[in-house]
Amino acid sequence: IFNSKYPNKHKGSGLGIYINEGFTGNIINSLTMICPDIETLFVEISCKGQNFNFGVVYRPPSGNLKTFNHLLENVFNNLSNKTNHSIVCGDFNVNLIKNDCNKMNFENVFYGNCFIPTISLPTHEKPGCDPSCIDNIFVSDVDYVIGSGLLTDVKVSHHYPTVCFYDIIDSTNQSNSGGDDDICSSSHYDYCESHILEFNSKLTHKLSIDEFSADETGFEKFVQCISNTIDECFKVNSETLKKSKRNRIENPWITNGLINSINYKNFLYEKWKKSK
């Protein structure tokens, strides 16, 4: 889904959102606009019995920041984040690691509408300029964020890609019996620290040996590379879930350390029984 570039502008205009074919997405026309001071594209995505508002925002650096904040405030006032999860990302061209009135006024718009930034590191580095945090992902439900950060080994122009892992609970299965059949009916992902480290290592290796052309085909290949690596590192085998309830999916409070301690306790118990 995309919106057109601003007329007669040849650089820094036009927005797009890639939606996985497993999701249903519809553009929210009332929240989508393009003008000299702001460009927005919003969609409503249905996933696992829940609706999500997902928006991409671009602020042209030559635009008026005061007008941008006013228009963005109007967008948030019409956003149904009281019932839907809302995620807003983009290139805002406001440096969040520089303490000035521009940052304060910009942040007030987001904080006043219950949005929290998930990126706090420099996302833009350009020769001759100080690093800046001008790209971000804002969420209305920070409790669902599993992790976020930058892909520092992949640089698109002078910007680092930003990522955010969001935990989506399958509300369609909450009223079911919760048996083994329910466990196998949907995919589960475990974003523990060891898996995140494995993901970073594998993705870095793949990106170092693959080439991605600067066109739609190359971008689709890039997205597929990330998607496949996520499945490789985080997706949990359903058979593993059926064997034991001692896992991070059934009981999120159980860490890998606790599981190792339980297994070691069982090992010592069996050894003690054999010694009697």
Protein backbone atom coordinates (compact mmCIF):
# COMPACT_ATOMS: atom_id res chain seq x y z
CA ILE A 1 0.00 0.00 0.00
CA PHE A 2 1.45 3.40 -0.90
CA ASN A 3 0.56 7.00 -1.52
CA SER A 4 1.92 9.19 -4.28
CA LYS A 5 4.81 11.62 -4.09
CA TYR A 6 4.14 15.27 -3.51
CA PRO A 7 3.67 16.94 -6.92
CA ASN A 8 6.84 18.32 -8.51
CA LYS A 9 9.00 17.02 -5.68
CA HIS A 10 11.77 14.69 -6.82
CA LYS A 11 13.40 13.77 -3.50
CA GLY A 12 12.18 12.73 -0.06
CA SER A 13 8.53 12.11 -0.81
CA GLY A 14 6.15 9.17 -1.06
CA LEU A 15 5.28 6.54 1.59
CA GLY A 16 4.64 2.82 1.44
CA ILE A 17 3.71 -0.04 3.77
CA TYR A 18 4.42 -3.69 3.03
CA ILE A 19 1.78 -5.98 4.58
CA ASN A 20 2.31 -9.70 4.98
CA GLU A 21 -0.12 -11.67 2.82
CA GLY A 22 -1.35 -13.44 5.95
CA PHE A 23 -2.82 -10.17 7.28
CA THR A 24 -5.81 -8.14 6.14
CA GLY A 25 -5.06 -4.44 5.71
CA ASN A 26 -7.21 -1.48 4.68
CA ILE A 27 -6.05 2.07 4.16
CA ILE A 28 -7.53 4.70 6.51
CA ASN A 29 -8.20 7.51 4.06
CA SER A 30 -9.23 10.02 6.73
CA LEU A 31 -5.75 9.82 8.31
CA THR A 32 -3.74 9.74 5.10
CA MET A 33 -2.50 13.03 3.66
CA ILE A 34 0.30 14.67 1.70
CA CYS A 35 1.27 18.35 1.86
CA PRO A 36 4.48 20.43 2.08
CA ASP A 37 4.68 20.02 5.88
CA ILE A 38 3.67 16.38 6.47
CA GLU A 39 3.04 13.09 4.68
CA THR A 40 1.08 10.29 6.36
CA LEU A 41 -0.15 6.84 5.40
CA PHE A 42 -2.32 4.85 7.84
CA VAL A 43 -3.77 1.35 7.54
CA GLU A 44 -5.88 -0.82 9.80
CA ILE A 45 -4.54 -4.37 10.00
CA SER A 46 -6.47 -7.36 11.33
CA CYS A 47 -4.36 -10.07 12.96
CA LYS A 48 -5.31 -12.88 15.34
CA GLY A 49 -8.69 -11.41 16.15
CA GLN A 50 -7.34 -7.92 16.88
CA ASN A 51 -7.18 -4.65 14.95
CA PHE A 52 -4.04 -2.53 14.70
CA ASN A 53 -3.61 1.01 13.46
CA PHE A 54 -0.29 1.20 11.65
CA GLY A 55 0.98 4.51 10.33
CA VAL A 56 4.01 5.84 8.49
CA VAL A 57 4.81 9.53 8.82
CA TYR A 58 7.38 11.68 7.02
CA ARG A 59 8.23 15.25 7.91
CA PRO A 60 10.00 17.12 5.08
CA PRO A 61 12.95 18.98 6.66
CA SER A 62 11.98 22.07 4.67
CA GLY A 63 8.45 22.03 6.13
CA ASN A 64 7.13 24.05 9.05
CA LEU A 65 7.50 22.08 12.30
CA LYS A 66 4.69 23.94 14.06
CA THR A 67 2.29 23.09 11.23
CA PHE A 68 3.52 19.49 11.26
CA ASN A 69 2.81 19.13 14.99
CA HIS A 70 -0.65 20.66 14.56
CA LEU A 71 -1.58 18.33 11.68
CA LEU A 72 -0.19 15.29 13.49
CA GLU A 73 -2.20 16.22 16.59
CA ASN A 74 -5.34 16.23 14.42
CA VAL A 75 -4.44 12.77 13.11
CA PHE A 76 -4.05 11.40 16.63
CA ASN A 77 -7.34 12.95 17.72
CA ASN A 78 -9.08 10.90 15.02
CA LEU A 79 -7.11 7.73 15.68
CA SER A 80 -9.11 4.98 17.38
CA ASN A 81 -6.29 3.94 19.71
CA LYS A 82 -8.76 3.56 22.55
CA THR A 83 -9.80 0.18 21.12
CA ASN A 84 -6.98 -0.62 18.69
CA HIS A 85 -3.26 -1.00 19.18
CA SER A 86 -1.53 1.85 17.37
CA ILE A 87 2.00 1.94 15.94
CA VAL A 88 3.44 4.99 14.19
CA CYS A 89 6.86 4.99 12.58
CA GLY A 90 8.78 7.10 10.13
CA ASP A 91 11.41 9.73 9.44
CA PHE A 92 10.36 12.73 11.53
CA ASN A 93 13.47 14.90 11.04
CA VAL A 94 13.34 15.93 14.71
CA ASN A 95 16.43 14.94 16.70
CA LEU A 96 15.35 13.24 19.93
CA ILE A 97 18.85 13.23 21.40
CA LYS A 98 19.15 17.01 21.16
CA ASN A 99 17.49 18.91 23.98
CA ASP A 100 15.78 21.90 22.43
CA CYS A 101 12.30 23.34 22.02
CA ASN A 102 11.77 21.46 18.72
CA LYS A 103 12.26 18.14 20.48
CA MET A 104 10.06 19.16 23.42
CA ASN A 105 7.14 20.32 21.25
CA PHE A 106 7.39 17.23 19.05
CA GLU A 107 7.50 14.84 22.01
CA ASN A 108 4.54 16.58 23.64
CA VAL A 109 2.36 15.63 20.67
CA PHE A 110 3.21 11.95 21.08
CA TYR A 111 3.27 11.79 24.87
CA GLY A 112 0.00 13.74 25.04
CA ASN A 113 -1.62 11.00 22.96
CA CYS A 114 -0.09 8.11 24.94
CA PHE A 115 2.60 7.17 22.43
CA ILE A 116 6.02 6.00 23.60
CA PRO A 117 9.20 5.96 21.42
CA THR A 118 11.00 2.61 21.16
CA ILE A 119 14.24 3.95 19.65
CA SER A 120 16.74 6.03 21.62
CA LEU A 121 19.95 5.54 19.60
CA PRO A 122 21.26 7.63 16.68
CA THR A 123 19.50 6.47 13.52
CA HIS A 124 21.12 8.91 11.08
CA GLU A 125 24.82 9.42 10.48
CA LYS A 126 26.18 11.67 7.76
CA PRO A 127 29.76 12.82 7.16
CA GLY A 128 30.29 16.25 8.62
CA CYS A 129 27.17 16.08 10.82
CA ASP A 130 26.54 14.92 14.37
CA PRO A 131 24.66 11.58 14.72
CA SER A 132 20.95 12.14 15.28
CA CYS A 133 17.86 10.16 16.25
CA ILE A 134 15.31 11.30 13.65
CA ASP A 135 13.73 7.92 12.79
CA ASN A 136 11.54 6.17 15.32
CA ILE A 137 8.76 3.71 16.07
CA PHE A 138 6.10 4.96 18.51
CA VAL A 139 3.65 2.56 20.15
CA SER A 140 0.51 3.08 22.19
CA ASP A 141 0.95 -0.17 24.16
CA VAL A 142 4.57 -0.39 25.25
CA ASP A 143 3.82 -3.46 27.40
CA TYR A 144 3.49 -5.49 24.18
CA VAL A 145 6.94 -4.51 22.91
CA ILE A 146 9.37 -7.40 23.22
CA GLY A 147 12.39 -5.59 21.85
CA SER A 148 13.47 -2.83 19.49
CA GLY A 149 16.63 -1.43 17.99
CA LEU A 150 18.65 -0.73 14.84
CA LEU A 151 20.11 -2.92 12.12
CA THR A 152 23.51 -1.25 12.24
CA ASP A 153 25.02 -3.53 9.59
CA VAL A 154 22.39 -2.43 7.08
CA LYS A 155 22.37 1.21 6.08
CA VAL A 156 19.84 2.69 3.67
CA SER A 157 21.35 5.98 2.52
CA HIS A 158 22.43 7.73 5.76
CA HIS A 159 19.70 6.02 7.82
CA TYR A 160 19.81 2.79 9.82
CA PRO A 161 16.70 0.57 9.57
CA THR A 162 14.71 0.52 12.82
CA VAL A 163 12.95 -2.62 14.08
CA CYS A 164 10.41 -3.39 16.78
CA PHE A 165 9.18 -6.81 17.92
CA TYR A 166 5.56 -6.71 19.04
CA ASP A 167 3.82 -9.49 20.95
CA ILE A 168 0.41 -10.18 19.43
CA ILE A 169 -1.85 -12.33 21.63
CA ASP A 170 -4.28 -14.50 19.70
CA SER A 171 -7.62 -13.37 21.16
CA THR A 172 -9.53 -15.84 18.97
CA ASN A 173 -8.10 -18.74 20.98
CA GLN A 174 -8.57 -17.27 24.46
CA SER A 175 -12.12 -18.62 24.75
CA ASN A 176 -11.09 -22.11 23.64
CA SER A 177 -10.23 -25.00 25.89
CA GLY A 178 -6.52 -24.29 25.79
CA GLY A 179 -5.61 -27.90 24.96
CA ASP A 180 -2.80 -29.22 22.83
CA ASP A 181 -4.85 -28.77 19.65
CA ASP A 182 -5.07 -25.03 20.39
CA ILE A 183 -1.32 -24.86 20.92
CA CYS A 184 -0.67 -26.39 17.52
CA SER A 185 -3.25 -24.27 15.69
CA SER A 186 -1.10 -21.11 15.64
CA SER A 187 2.55 -20.15 15.45
CA HIS A 188 4.46 -19.22 18.59
CA TYR A 189 7.66 -17.21 18.87
CA ASP A 190 10.13 -17.08 21.76
CA TYR A 191 12.07 -13.80 21.90
CA CYS A 192 14.45 -14.72 24.71
CA GLU A 193 17.89 -13.12 24.84
CA SER A 194 19.74 -16.13 23.41
CA HIS A 195 17.39 -16.22 20.42
CA ILE A 196 17.84 -12.47 19.84
CA LEU A 197 21.63 -12.92 19.83
CA GLU A 198 21.25 -15.82 17.39
CA PHE A 199 19.00 -13.65 15.19
CA ASN A 200 21.53 -10.81 15.13
CA SER A 201 24.35 -13.20 14.22
CA LYS A 202 22.47 -15.02 11.46
CA LEU A 203 21.01 -11.86 9.93
CA THR A 204 24.41 -10.15 9.90
CA HIS A 205 25.90 -13.15 8.11
CA LYS A 206 23.10 -13.33 5.52
CA LEU A 207 23.27 -9.61 4.77
CA SER A 208 27.03 -9.83 4.31
CA ILE A 209 26.80 -12.54 1.61
CA ASP A 210 23.57 -11.53 -0.18
CA GLU A 211 23.09 -8.63 -2.56
CA PHE A 212 19.91 -6.54 -2.67
CA SER A 213 19.16 -4.45 -5.73
CA ALA A 214 17.82 -0.92 -5.30
CA ASP A 215 14.34 -1.72 -6.64
CA GLU A 216 11.12 -3.39 -5.54
CA THR A 217 12.48 -6.88 -6.21
CA GLY A 218 15.53 -6.17 -4.08
CA PHE A 219 13.40 -4.78 -1.25
CA GLU A 220 11.10 -7.83 -1.31
CA LYS A 221 14.19 -10.07 -1.14
CA PHE A 222 15.45 -8.03 1.83
CA VAL A 223 12.09 -8.34 3.65
CA GLN A 224 11.95 -12.09 2.93
CA CYS A 225 15.48 -12.50 4.29
CA ILE A 226 14.46 -10.88 7.59
CA SER A 227 11.19 -12.86 7.74
CA ASN A 228 12.95 -16.19 7.17
CA THR A 229 15.57 -15.39 9.80
CA ILE A 230 12.86 -14.51 12.34
CA ASP A 231 11.23 -17.90 11.76
CA GLU A 232 14.56 -19.70 12.00
CA CYS A 233 15.54 -18.09 15.30
CA PHE A 234 12.30 -17.38 17.16
CA LYS A 235 9.62 -19.78 15.92
CA VAL A 236 8.88 -22.55 18.41
CA ASN A 237 8.20 -26.12 17.30
CA SER A 238 4.63 -27.04 18.31
CA GLU A 239 5.80 -30.53 19.31
CA THR A 240 8.11 -28.92 21.87
CA LEU A 241 5.14 -27.13 23.44
CA LYS A 242 3.14 -30.35 23.69
CA LYS A 243 5.88 -32.17 25.59
CA SER A 244 5.93 -29.86 28.61
CA LYS A 245 4.18 -26.85 30.10
CA ARG A 246 7.56 -25.62 31.33
CA ASN A 247 8.20 -23.23 28.50
CA ARG A 248 8.22 -19.47 27.94
CA ILE A 249 5.12 -19.60 25.75
CA GLU A 250 2.79 -21.25 28.27
CA ASN A 251 4.43 -19.52 31.24
CA PRO A 252 6.31 -16.34 30.25
CA TRP A 253 7.83 -16.01 33.72
CA ILE A 254 9.86 -19.19 33.19
CA THR A 255 13.34 -18.24 32.01
CA ASN A 256 15.92 -20.48 30.37
CA GLY A 257 17.87 -20.39 33.64
CA LEU A 258 14.89 -21.74 35.57
CA ILE A 259 14.36 -24.49 32.99
CA ASN A 260 18.04 -25.49 33.25
CA SER A 261 17.78 -25.52 37.05
CA ILE A 262 14.66 -27.72 36.91
CA ASN A 263 16.36 -30.14 34.55
CA TYR A 264 19.45 -30.26 36.77
CA LYS A 265 17.28 -30.88 39.84
CA ASN A 266 15.61 -33.81 38.05
CA PHE A 267 19.01 -35.16 37.06
CA LEU A 268 20.22 -35.07 40.67
CA TYR A 269 16.99 -36.68 41.88
CA GLU A 270 17.32 -39.57 39.44
CA LYS A 271 20.97 -40.00 40.45
CA TRP A 272 19.98 -40.06 44.12
CA LYS A 273 17.32 -42.74 43.49
CA LYS A 274 19.81 -44.98 41.75
CA SER A 275 22.26 -44.69 44.66
CA LYS A 276 19.76 -46.07 47.21
